[in-house]
């Protein structure tokens, strides 16, 4: 079943998976390449700071 952009925007589940509309079908997006590397580096930097400042992290 294909949907229009307007239908997709009305249906889009805010706060859930990242989706895109491709050829009338909602498709889950996967992080790849540069974006994935940047996200990993930001997460690593955050973990290092949490440990350095001795903040509780996952309680």
PDB file of N, CA and C in Angstrom:
ATOM      1  N   UNK A   1       0.851  -1.190   0.000  1.00  0.00           N
ATOM      2  CA  UNK A   1       0.000   0.000   0.000  1.00  0.00           C
ATOM      3  C   UNK A   1       0.888   1.241   0.000  1.00  0.00           C
ATOM      4  N   UNK A   2       0.682   2.117  -0.950  1.00  0.00           N
ATOM      5  CA  UNK A   2       1.447   3.366  -0.994  1.00  0.00           C
ATOM      6  C   UNK A   2       0.646   4.478  -0.334  1.00  0.00           C
ATOM      7  N   UNK A   3       1.382   5.454   0.222  1.00  0.00           N
ATOM      8  CA  UNK A   3       0.737   6.591   0.881  1.00  0.00           C
ATOM      9  C   UNK A   3       1.309   7.888   0.318  1.00  0.00           C
ATOM     10  N   UNK A   4       0.560   8.960   0.489  1.00  0.00           N
ATOM     11  CA  UNK A   4       1.007  10.268   0.024  1.00  0.00           C
ATOM     12  C   UNK A   4       1.862  10.917   1.106  1.00  0.00           C
ATOM     13  N   UNK A   5       2.557  11.975   0.734  1.00  0.00           N
ATOM     14  CA  UNK A   5       3.357  12.712   1.704  1.00  0.00           C
ATOM     15  C   UNK A   5       2.473  13.269   2.821  1.00  0.00           C
ATOM     16  N   UNK A   6       1.314  13.812   2.475  1.00  0.00           N
ATOM     17  CA  UNK A   6       0.411  14.348   3.503  1.00  0.00           C
ATOM     18  C   UNK A   6      -0.033  13.256   4.475  1.00  0.00           C
ATOM     19  N   UNK A   7      -0.378  12.075   3.946  1.00  0.00           N
ATOM     20  CA  UNK A   7      -0.760  10.959   4.818  1.00  0.00           C
ATOM     21  C   UNK A   7       0.402  10.546   5.719  1.00  0.00           C
ATOM     22  N   UNK A   8       1.606  10.503   5.148  1.00  0.00           N
ATOM     23  CA  UNK A   8       2.800  10.144   5.909  1.00  0.00           C
ATOM     24  C   UNK A   8       3.027  11.125   7.047  1.00  0.00           C
ATOM     25  N   UNK A   9       2.925  12.430   6.757  1.00  0.00           N
ATOM     26  CA  UNK A   9       3.144  13.451   7.786  1.00  0.00           C
ATOM     27  C   UNK A   9       2.087  13.374   8.888  1.00  0.00           C
ATOM     28  N   UNK A  10       0.859  13.059   8.541  1.00  0.00           N
ATOM     29  CA  UNK A  10      -0.202  12.903   9.544  1.00  0.00           C
ATOM     30  C   UNK A  10       0.009  11.652  10.392  1.00  0.00           C
ATOM     31  N   UNK A  11       0.544  10.599   9.795  1.00  0.00           N
ATOM     32  CA  UNK A  11       0.716   9.301  10.463  1.00  0.00           C
ATOM     33  C   UNK A  11       2.011   9.200  11.260  1.00  0.00           C
ATOM     34  N   UNK A  12       3.062   9.932  10.848  1.00  0.00           N
ATOM     35  CA  UNK A  12       4.410   9.752  11.389  1.00  0.00           C
ATOM     36  C   UNK A  12       4.402   9.661  12.911  1.00  0.00           C
ATOM     37  N   UNK A  13       4.940   8.553  13.467  1.00  0.00           N
ATOM     38  CA  UNK A  13       4.921   8.343  14.920  1.00  0.00           C
ATOM     39  C   UNK A  13       6.020   9.141  15.614  1.00  0.00           C
ATOM     40  N   UNK A  14       5.721  10.342  16.062  1.00  0.00           N
ATOM     41  CA  UNK A  14       6.687  11.232  16.694  1.00  0.00           C
ATOM     42  C   UNK A  14       7.372  10.546  17.869  1.00  0.00           C
ATOM     43  N   UNK A  15       8.710  10.628  17.911  1.00  0.00           N
ATOM     44  CA  UNK A  15       9.467  10.077  19.021  1.00  0.00           C
ATOM     45  C   UNK A  15       9.853   8.621  18.874  1.00  0.00           C
ATOM     46  N   UNK A  16       9.595   8.037  17.736  1.00  0.00           N
ATOM     47  CA  UNK A  16       9.937   6.630  17.522  1.00  0.00           C
ATOM     48  C   UNK A  16      11.068   6.531  16.505  1.00  0.00           C
ATOM     49  N   UNK A  17      11.063   5.491  15.722  1.00  0.00           N
ATOM     50  CA  UNK A  17      12.102   5.290  14.720  1.00  0.00           C
ATOM     51  C   UNK A  17      12.161   6.450  13.737  1.00  0.00           C
ATOM     52  N   UNK A  18      13.310   6.574  13.094  1.00  0.00           N
ATOM     53  CA  UNK A  18      13.451   7.557  12.022  1.00  0.00           C
ATOM     54  C   UNK A  18      12.990   6.891  10.732  1.00  0.00           C
ATOM     55  N   UNK A  19      12.024   7.516  10.120  1.00  0.00           N
ATOM     56  CA  UNK A  19      11.441   6.946   8.905  1.00  0.00           C
ATOM     57  C   UNK A  19      11.535   7.950   7.772  1.00  0.00           C
ATOM     58  N   UNK A  20      11.541   7.437   6.552  1.00  0.00           N
ATOM     59  CA  UNK A  20      11.454   8.292   5.381  1.00  0.00           C
ATOM     60  C   UNK A  20      10.430   7.681   4.437  1.00  0.00           C
ATOM     61  N   UNK A  21       9.909   8.524   3.571  1.00  0.00           N
ATOM     62  CA  UNK A  21       8.926   8.061   2.602  1.00  0.00           C
ATOM     63  C   UNK A  21       9.638   7.856   1.278  1.00  0.00           C
ATOM     64  N   UNK A  22       9.667   6.620   0.807  1.00  0.00           N
ATOM     65  CA  UNK A  22      10.319   6.304  -0.459  1.00  0.00           C
ATOM     66  C   UNK A  22       9.355   5.581  -1.382  1.00  0.00           C
ATOM     67  N   UNK A  23       9.039   6.181  -2.502  1.00  0.00           N
ATOM     68  CA  UNK A  23       8.106   5.600  -3.470  1.00  0.00           C
ATOM     69  C   UNK A  23       6.772   5.232  -2.836  1.00  0.00           C
ATOM     70  N   UNK A  24       6.302   6.088  -1.926  1.00  0.00           N
ATOM     71  CA  UNK A  24       4.999   5.872  -1.304  1.00  0.00           C
ATOM     72  C   UNK A  24       4.995   4.865  -0.173  1.00  0.00           C
ATOM     73  N   UNK A  25       6.191   4.433   0.277  1.00  0.00           N
ATOM     74  CA  UNK A  25       6.294   3.439   1.348  1.00  0.00           C
ATOM     75  C   UNK A  25       7.166   4.000   2.472  1.00  0.00           C
ATOM     76  N   UNK A  26       6.700   3.878   3.732  1.00  0.00           N
ATOM     77  CA  UNK A  26       7.487   4.307   4.881  1.00  0.00           C
ATOM     78  C   UNK A  26       8.604   3.301   5.112  1.00  0.00           C
ATOM     79  N   UNK A  27       9.849   3.804   5.140  1.00  0.00           N
ATOM     80  CA  UNK A  27      11.028   2.956   5.275  1.00  0.00           C
ATOM     81  C   UNK A  27      11.847   3.436   6.460  1.00  0.00           C
ATOM     82  N   UNK A  28      12.295   2.499   7.322  1.00  0.00           N
ATOM     83  CA  UNK A  28      13.131   2.861   8.463  1.00  0.00           C
ATOM     84  C   UNK A  28      14.523   3.227   7.965  1.00  0.00           C
ATOM     85  N   UNK A  29      15.039   4.367   8.419  1.00  0.00           N
ATOM     86  CA  UNK A  29      16.360   4.825   8.007  1.00  0.00           C
ATOM     87  C   UNK A  29      17.417   4.212   8.915  1.00  0.00           C
ATOM     88  N   UNK A  30      18.567   3.917   8.365  1.00  0.00           N
ATOM     89  CA  UNK A  30      19.693   3.379   9.115  1.00  0.00           C
ATOM     90  C   UNK A  30      20.835   4.388   9.085  1.00  0.00           C
ATOM     91  N   UNK A  31      21.472   4.649  10.252  1.00  0.00           N
ATOM     92  CA  UNK A  31      22.617   5.560  10.245  1.00  0.00           C
ATOM     93  C   UNK A  31      23.792   4.922   9.512  1.00  0.00           C
ATOM     94  N   UNK A  32      24.446   5.686   8.663  1.00  0.00           N
ATOM     95  CA  UNK A  32      25.578   5.151   7.917  1.00  0.00           C
ATOM     96  C   UNK A  32      26.642   6.220   7.730  1.00  0.00           C
ATOM     97  N   UNK A  33      27.833   5.806   7.453  1.00  0.00           N
ATOM     98  CA  UNK A  33      28.920   6.696   7.062  1.00  0.00           C
ATOM     99  C   UNK A  33      29.263   7.756   8.077  1.00  0.00           C
ATOM    100  N   UNK A  34      29.406   8.974   7.590  1.00  0.00           N
ATOM    101  CA  UNK A  34      29.861  10.097   8.413  1.00  0.00           C
ATOM    102  C   UNK A  34      28.952  10.335   9.602  1.00  0.00           C
ATOM    103  N   UNK A  35      27.658  10.273   9.419  1.00  0.00           N
ATOM    104  CA  UNK A  35      26.735  10.532  10.518  1.00  0.00           C
ATOM    105  C   UNK A  35      26.923   9.519  11.636  1.00  0.00           C
ATOM    106  N   UNK A  36      27.107   8.270  11.275  1.00  0.00           N
ATOM    107  CA  UNK A  36      27.309   7.227  12.278  1.00  0.00           C
ATOM    108  C   UNK A  36      28.623   7.453  13.020  1.00  0.00           C
ATOM    109  N   UNK A  37      29.675   7.835  12.310  1.00  0.00           N
ATOM    110  CA  UNK A  37      30.971   8.090  12.948  1.00  0.00           C
ATOM    111  C   UNK A  37      30.890   9.274  13.906  1.00  0.00           C
ATOM    112  N   UNK A  38      30.236  10.347  13.484  1.00  0.00           N
ATOM    113  CA  UNK A  38      30.095  11.527  14.342  1.00  0.00           C
ATOM    114  C   UNK A  38      29.296  11.176  15.597  1.00  0.00           C
ATOM    115  N   UNK A  39      28.209  10.447  15.441  1.00  0.00           N
ATOM    116  CA  UNK A  39      27.401  10.059  16.600  1.00  0.00           C
ATOM    117  C   UNK A  39      28.216   9.217  17.563  1.00  0.00           C
ATOM    118  N   UNK A  40      29.036   8.312  17.056  1.00  0.00           N
ATOM    119  CA  UNK A  40      29.890   7.492  17.910  1.00  0.00           C
ATOM    120  C   UNK A  40      30.917   8.318  18.662  1.00  0.00           C
ATOM    121  N   UNK A  41      31.514   9.293  17.981  1.00  0.00           N
ATOM    122  CA  UNK A  41      32.511  10.145  18.631  1.00  0.00           C
ATOM    123  C   UNK A  41      31.881  11.032  19.706  1.00  0.00           C
ATOM    124  N   UNK A  42      30.689  11.546  19.452  1.00  0.00           N
ATOM    125  CA  UNK A  42      29.991  12.360  20.450  1.00  0.00           C
ATOM    126  C   UNK A  42      29.645  11.503  21.670  1.00  0.00           C
ATOM    127  N   UNK A  43      29.157  10.290  21.448  1.00  0.00           N
ATOM    128  CA  UNK A  43      28.831   9.388  22.555  1.00  0.00           C
ATOM    129  C   UNK A  43      30.080   9.048  23.357  1.00  0.00           C
ATOM    130  N   UNK A  44      31.189   8.777  22.684  1.00  0.00           N
ATOM    131  CA  UNK A  44      32.435   8.454  23.382  1.00  0.00           C
ATOM    132  C   UNK A  44      32.910   9.631  24.229  1.00  0.00           C
ATOM    133  N   UNK A  45      32.851  10.846  23.676  1.00  0.00           N
ATOM    134  CA  UNK A  45      33.262  12.037  24.418  1.00  0.00           C
ATOM    135  C   UNK A  45      32.380  12.243  25.650  1.00  0.00           C
ATOM    136  N   UNK A  46      31.084  11.999  25.503  1.00  0.00           N
ATOM    137  CA  UNK A  46      30.168  12.148  26.636  1.00  0.00           C
ATOM    138  C   UNK A  46      30.494  11.137  27.730  1.00  0.00           C
ATOM    139  N   UNK A  47      30.773   9.906  27.361  1.00  0.00           N
ATOM    140  CA  UNK A  47      31.107   8.872  28.346  1.00  0.00           C
ATOM    141  C   UNK A  47      32.398   9.226  29.073  1.00  0.00           C
ATOM    142  N   UNK A  48      33.399   9.701  28.347  1.00  0.00           N
ATOM    143  CA  UNK A  48      34.668  10.092  28.968  1.00  0.00           C
ATOM    144  C   UNK A  48      34.442  11.200  29.990  1.00  0.00           C
ATOM    145  N   UNK A  49      33.639  12.207  29.642  1.00  0.00           N
ATOM    146  CA  UNK A  49      33.366  13.319  30.572  1.00  0.00           C
ATOM    147  C   UNK A  49      32.574  12.846  31.790  1.00  0.00           C
ATOM    148  N   UNK A  50      31.606  11.985  31.575  1.00  0.00           N
ATOM    149  CA  UNK A  50      30.821  11.452  32.699  1.00  0.00           C
ATOM    150  C   UNK A  50      31.743  10.731  33.666  1.00  0.00           C
ATOM    151  N   UNK A  51      32.669   9.935  33.138  1.00  0.00           N
ATOM    152  CA  UNK A  51      33.610   9.208  33.993  1.00  0.00           C
ATOM    153  C   UNK A  51      34.594  10.159  34.650  1.00  0.00           C
ATOM    154  N   UNK A  52      35.108  11.135  33.914  1.00  0.00           N
ATOM    155  CA  UNK A  52      36.084  12.092  34.451  1.00  0.00           C
ATOM    156  C   UNK A  52      35.497  12.899  35.601  1.00  0.00           C
ATOM    157  N   UNK A  53      34.265  13.320  35.450  1.00  0.00           N
ATOM    158  CA  UNK A  53      33.603  14.120  36.481  1.00  0.00           C
ATOM    159  C   UNK A  53      32.964  13.259  37.567  1.00  0.00           C
ATOM    160  N   UNK A  54      33.059  11.950  37.409  1.00  0.00           N
ATOM    161  CA  UNK A  54      32.530  10.970  38.355  1.00  0.00           C
ATOM    162  C   UNK A  54      31.029  11.151  38.593  1.00  0.00           C
ATOM    163  N   UNK A  55      30.323  11.442  37.505  1.00  0.00           N
ATOM    164  CA  UNK A  55      28.867  11.524  37.582  1.00  0.00           C
ATOM    165  C   UNK A  55      28.280  10.115  37.543  1.00  0.00           C
ATOM    166  N   UNK A  56      27.174   9.888  38.252  1.00  0.00           N
ATOM    167  CA  UNK A  56      26.506   8.605  38.081  1.00  0.00           C
ATOM    168  C   UNK A  56      25.939   8.560  36.654  1.00  0.00           C
ATOM    169  N   UNK A  57      26.140   7.479  35.956  1.00  0.00           N
ATOM    170  CA  UNK A  57      25.723   7.453  34.559  1.00  0.00           C
ATOM    171  C   UNK A  57      24.460   6.644  34.299  1.00  0.00           C
ATOM    172  N   UNK A  58      24.411   5.409  34.736  1.00  0.00           N
ATOM    173  CA  UNK A  58      23.268   4.567  34.418  1.00  0.00           C
ATOM    174  C   UNK A  58      22.683   3.969  35.680  1.00  0.00           C
ATOM    175  N   UNK A  59      22.162   4.806  36.524  1.00  0.00           N
ATOM    176  CA  UNK A  59      21.551   4.323  37.791  1.00  0.00           C
ATOM    177  C   UNK A  59      20.075   4.222  37.676  1.00  0.00           C
TER     178      UNK A  59
END
